[in-house]
PDB file of N, CA and C in Angstrom:
ATOM      1  N   UNK A   1       4.426  -3.227   2.612  1.00  0.00           N
ATOM      2  CA  UNK A   1       4.069  -4.616   2.829  1.00  0.00           C
ATOM      3  C   UNK A   1       4.770  -5.543   1.842  1.00  0.00           C
ATOM      4  N   UNK A   2       5.424  -4.972   0.839  1.00  0.00           N
ATOM      5  CA  UNK A   2       6.071  -5.803  -0.167  1.00  0.00           C
ATOM      6  C   UNK A   2       7.116  -6.731   0.427  1.00  0.00           C
ATOM      7  N   UNK A   3       7.913  -6.209   1.331  1.00  0.00           N
ATOM      8  CA  UNK A   3       8.992  -7.007   1.909  1.00  0.00           C
ATOM      9  C   UNK A   3       8.666  -7.526   3.301  1.00  0.00           C
ATOM     10  N   UNK A   4       7.433  -7.395   3.727  1.00  0.00           N
ATOM     11  CA  UNK A   4       7.061  -7.802   5.076  1.00  0.00           C
ATOM     12  C   UNK A   4       7.345  -9.273   5.331  1.00  0.00           C
ATOM     13  N   UNK A   5       6.980 -10.146   4.410  1.00  0.00           N
ATOM     14  CA  UNK A   5       7.179 -11.576   4.627  1.00  0.00           C
ATOM     15  C   UNK A   5       8.661 -11.916   4.717  1.00  0.00           C
ATOM     16  N   UNK A   6       9.496 -11.239   3.943  1.00  0.00           N
ATOM     17  CA  UNK A   6      10.938 -11.484   3.996  1.00  0.00           C
ATOM     18  C   UNK A   6      11.478 -11.086   5.367  1.00  0.00           C
ATOM     19  N   UNK A   7      11.098  -9.905   5.840  1.00  0.00           N
ATOM     20  CA  UNK A   7      11.560  -9.439   7.145  1.00  0.00           C
ATOM     21  C   UNK A   7      11.014 -10.314   8.274  1.00  0.00           C
ATOM     22  N   UNK A   8       9.762 -10.717   8.170  1.00  0.00           N
ATOM     23  CA  UNK A   8       9.157 -11.566   9.195  1.00  0.00           C
ATOM     24  C   UNK A   8       9.842 -12.919   9.267  1.00  0.00           C
ATOM     25  N   UNK A   9      10.094 -13.524   8.124  1.00  0.00           N
ATOM     26  CA  UNK A   9      10.785 -14.822   8.108  1.00  0.00           C
ATOM     27  C   UNK A   9      12.196 -14.700   8.653  1.00  0.00           C
ATOM     28  N   UNK A  10      12.875 -13.608   8.323  1.00  0.00           N
ATOM     29  CA  UNK A  10      14.229 -13.394   8.839  1.00  0.00           C
ATOM     30  C   UNK A  10      14.220 -13.248  10.353  1.00  0.00           C
ATOM     31  N   UNK A  11      13.254 -12.513  10.873  1.00  0.00           N
ATOM     32  CA  UNK A  11      13.177 -12.265  12.316  1.00  0.00           C
ATOM     33  C   UNK A  11      12.727 -13.486  13.105  1.00  0.00           C
ATOM     34  N   UNK A  12      12.047 -14.427  12.452  1.00  0.00           N
ATOM     35  CA  UNK A  12      11.503 -15.584  13.171  1.00  0.00           C
ATOM     36  C   UNK A  12      12.121 -16.900  12.732  1.00  0.00           C
ATOM     37  N   UNK A  13      13.279 -16.829  12.110  1.00  0.00           N
ATOM     38  CA  UNK A  13      13.993 -18.028  11.647  1.00  0.00           C
ATOM     39  C   UNK A  13      13.119 -18.896  10.738  1.00  0.00           C
ATOM     40  N   UNK A  14      12.330 -18.243   9.890  1.00  0.00           N
ATOM     41  CA  UNK A  14      11.518 -18.954   8.907  1.00  0.00           C
ATOM     42  C   UNK A  14      10.190 -19.470   9.407  1.00  0.00           C
ATOM     43  N   UNK A  15       9.848 -19.202  10.672  1.00  0.00           N
ATOM     44  CA  UNK A  15       8.618 -19.756  11.235  1.00  0.00           C
ATOM     45  C   UNK A  15       7.450 -18.768  11.224  1.00  0.00           C
ATOM     46  N   UNK A  16       7.703 -17.501  10.922  1.00  0.00           N
ATOM     47  CA  UNK A  16       6.649 -16.497  10.990  1.00  0.00           C
ATOM     48  C   UNK A  16       5.775 -16.454   9.751  1.00  0.00           C
ATOM     49  N   UNK A  17       4.561 -15.970   9.926  1.00  0.00           N
ATOM     50  CA  UNK A  17       3.652 -15.764   8.798  1.00  0.00           C
ATOM     51  C   UNK A  17       2.717 -14.617   9.156  1.00  0.00           C
ATOM     52  N   UNK A  18       2.032 -14.101   8.161  1.00  0.00           N
ATOM     53  CA  UNK A  18       1.041 -13.064   8.404  1.00  0.00           C
ATOM     54  C   UNK A  18      -0.149 -13.292   7.496  1.00  0.00           C
ATOM     55  N   UNK A  19      -1.249 -12.688   7.868  1.00  0.00           N
ATOM     56  CA  UNK A  19      -2.461 -12.770   7.067  1.00  0.00           C
ATOM     57  C   UNK A  19      -3.040 -11.364   6.975  1.00  0.00           C
ATOM     58  N   UNK A  20      -3.214 -10.878   5.779  1.00  0.00           N
ATOM     59  CA  UNK A  20      -3.771  -9.546   5.571  1.00  0.00           C
ATOM     60  C   UNK A  20      -5.272  -9.666   5.344  1.00  0.00           C
ATOM     61  N   UNK A  21      -6.004  -8.682   5.864  1.00  0.00           N
ATOM     62  CA  UNK A  21      -7.443  -8.655   5.617  1.00  0.00           C
ATOM     63  C   UNK A  21      -7.908  -7.215   5.507  1.00  0.00           C
ATOM     64  N   UNK A  22      -8.960  -7.016   4.755  1.00  0.00           N
ATOM     65  CA  UNK A  22      -9.524  -5.696   4.551  1.00  0.00           C
ATOM     66  C   UNK A  22     -10.071  -5.161   5.857  1.00  0.00           C
ATOM     67  N   UNK A  23      -9.836  -3.886   6.125  1.00  0.00           N
ATOM     68  CA  UNK A  23     -10.324  -3.277   7.357  1.00  0.00           C
ATOM     69  C   UNK A  23     -11.435  -2.275   7.098  1.00  0.00           C
ATOM     70  N   UNK A  24     -11.161  -1.246   6.307  1.00  0.00           N
ATOM     71  CA  UNK A  24     -12.184  -0.231   6.066  1.00  0.00           C
ATOM     72  C   UNK A  24     -11.815   0.668   4.886  1.00  0.00           C
ATOM     73  N   UNK A  25     -12.776   1.426   4.438  1.00  0.00           N
ATOM     74  CA  UNK A  25     -12.570   2.465   3.431  1.00  0.00           C
ATOM     75  C   UNK A  25     -12.723   3.820   4.113  1.00  0.00           C
ATOM     76  N   UNK A  26     -12.026   4.804   3.621  1.00  0.00           N
ATOM     77  CA  UNK A  26     -12.168   6.157   4.141  1.00  0.00           C
ATOM     78  C   UNK A  26     -12.119   7.129   2.969  1.00  0.00           C
ATOM     79  N   UNK A  27     -12.944   8.157   3.024  1.00  0.00           N
ATOM     80  CA  UNK A  27     -12.978   9.152   1.963  1.00  0.00           C
ATOM     81  C   UNK A  27     -11.728  10.025   2.037  1.00  0.00           C
ATOM     82  N   UNK A  28     -11.170  10.313   0.882  1.00  0.00           N
ATOM     83  CA  UNK A  28     -10.007  11.193   0.793  1.00  0.00           C
ATOM     84  C   UNK A  28     -10.506  12.546   0.310  1.00  0.00           C
ATOM     85  N   UNK A  29     -10.135  13.607   1.020  1.00  0.00           N
ATOM     86  CA  UNK A  29     -10.614  14.953   0.673  1.00  0.00           C
ATOM     87  C   UNK A  29      -9.457  15.941   0.669  1.00  0.00           C
ATOM     88  N   UNK A  30      -9.730  17.123   0.143  1.00  0.00           N
ATOM     89  CA  UNK A  30      -8.777  18.221   0.204  1.00  0.00           C
ATOM     90  C   UNK A  30      -7.551  18.021  -0.655  1.00  0.00           C
ATOM     91  N   UNK A  31      -6.422  18.520  -0.151  1.00  0.00           N
ATOM     92  CA  UNK A  31      -5.165  18.486  -0.891  1.00  0.00           C
ATOM     93  C   UNK A  31      -4.756  17.065  -1.221  1.00  0.00           C
ATOM     94  N   UNK A  32      -4.962  16.155  -0.304  1.00  0.00           N
ATOM     95  CA  UNK A  32      -4.589  14.756  -0.548  1.00  0.00           C
ATOM     96  C   UNK A  32      -5.361  14.196  -1.740  1.00  0.00           C
ATOM     97  N   UNK A  33      -6.645  14.495  -1.840  1.00  0.00           N
ATOM     98  CA  UNK A  33      -7.459  14.032  -2.966  1.00  0.00           C
ATOM     99  C   UNK A  33      -6.970  14.649  -4.276  1.00  0.00           C
ATOM    100  N   UNK A  34      -6.659  15.943  -4.258  1.00  0.00           N
ATOM    101  CA  UNK A  34      -6.151  16.608  -5.468  1.00  0.00           C
ATOM    102  C   UNK A  34      -4.817  16.006  -5.904  1.00  0.00           C
ATOM    103  N   UNK A  35      -3.948  15.688  -4.943  1.00  0.00           N
ATOM    104  CA  UNK A  35      -2.656  15.083  -5.264  1.00  0.00           C
ATOM    105  C   UNK A  35      -2.825  13.706  -5.904  1.00  0.00           C
ATOM    106  N   UNK A  36      -3.762  12.937  -5.406  1.00  0.00           N
ATOM    107  CA  UNK A  36      -4.018  11.599  -5.956  1.00  0.00           C
ATOM    108  C   UNK A  36      -4.545  11.706  -7.385  1.00  0.00           C
ATOM    109  N   UNK A  37      -5.493  12.603  -7.604  1.00  0.00           N
ATOM    110  CA  UNK A  37      -6.056  12.791  -8.943  1.00  0.00           C
ATOM    111  C   UNK A  37      -4.976  13.273  -9.901  1.00  0.00           C
ATOM    112  N   UNK A  38      -4.142  14.205  -9.465  1.00  0.00           N
ATOM    113  CA  UNK A  38      -3.072  14.723 -10.323  1.00  0.00           C
ATOM    114  C   UNK A  38      -2.077  13.625 -10.687  1.00  0.00           C
ATOM    115  N   UNK A  39      -1.704  12.798  -9.722  1.00  0.00           N
ATOM    116  CA  UNK A  39      -0.774  11.700  -9.988  1.00  0.00           C
ATOM    117  C   UNK A  39      -1.376  10.689 -10.956  1.00  0.00           C
ATOM    118  N   UNK A  40      -2.654  10.381 -10.770  1.00  0.00           N
ATOM    119  CA  UNK A  40      -3.334   9.431 -11.657  1.00  0.00           C
ATOM    120  C   UNK A  40      -3.431   9.990 -13.074  1.00  0.00           C
ATOM    121  N   UNK A  41      -3.760  11.280 -13.186  1.00  0.00           N
ATOM    122  CA  UNK A  41      -3.874  11.928 -14.489  1.00  0.00           C
ATOM    123  C   UNK A  41      -2.528  11.942 -15.201  1.00  0.00           C
ATOM    124  N   UNK A  42      -1.470  12.250 -14.482  1.00  0.00           N
ATOM    125  CA  UNK A  42      -0.136  12.279 -15.071  1.00  0.00           C
ATOM    126  C   UNK A  42       0.285  10.884 -15.537  1.00  0.00           C
ATOM    127  N   UNK A  43      -0.019   9.882 -14.736  1.00  0.00           N
ATOM    128  CA  UNK A  43       0.325   8.506 -15.101  1.00  0.00           C
ATOM    129  C   UNK A  43      -0.459   8.056 -16.325  1.00  0.00           C
ATOM    130  N   UNK A  44      -1.734   8.403 -16.384  1.00  0.00           N
ATOM    131  CA  UNK A  44      -2.588   8.003 -17.515  1.00  0.00           C
ATOM    132  C   UNK A  44      -2.142   8.670 -18.810  1.00  0.00           C
ATOM    133  N   UNK A  45      -1.729   9.928 -18.731  1.00  0.00           N
ATOM    134  CA  UNK A  45      -1.311  10.622 -19.947  1.00  0.00           C
ATOM    135  C   UNK A  45       0.095  10.205 -20.390  1.00  0.00           C
ATOM    136  N   UNK A  46       0.900   9.688 -19.466  1.00  0.00           N
ATOM    137  CA  UNK A  46       2.252   9.236 -19.805  1.00  0.00           C
ATOM    138  C   UNK A  46       2.242   7.845 -20.422  1.00  0.00           C
ATOM    139  N   UNK A  47       1.246   7.060 -20.096  1.00  0.00           N
ATOM    140  CA  UNK A  47       1.235   5.671 -20.525  1.00  0.00           C
ATOM    141  C   UNK A  47       0.316   5.433 -21.614  1.00  0.00           C
TER     142      UNK A  47
END
């Protein structure tokens, strides 16, 4: 989403816009949850 506004403006000749809104939360489990915790732990110990 970082470059979304740039791409949207380019595609619409500067007339496009977007509005983001919160949709929902979902629980993360299993390998994906372990990967997130590991990445967070590594980042915290590096910084």
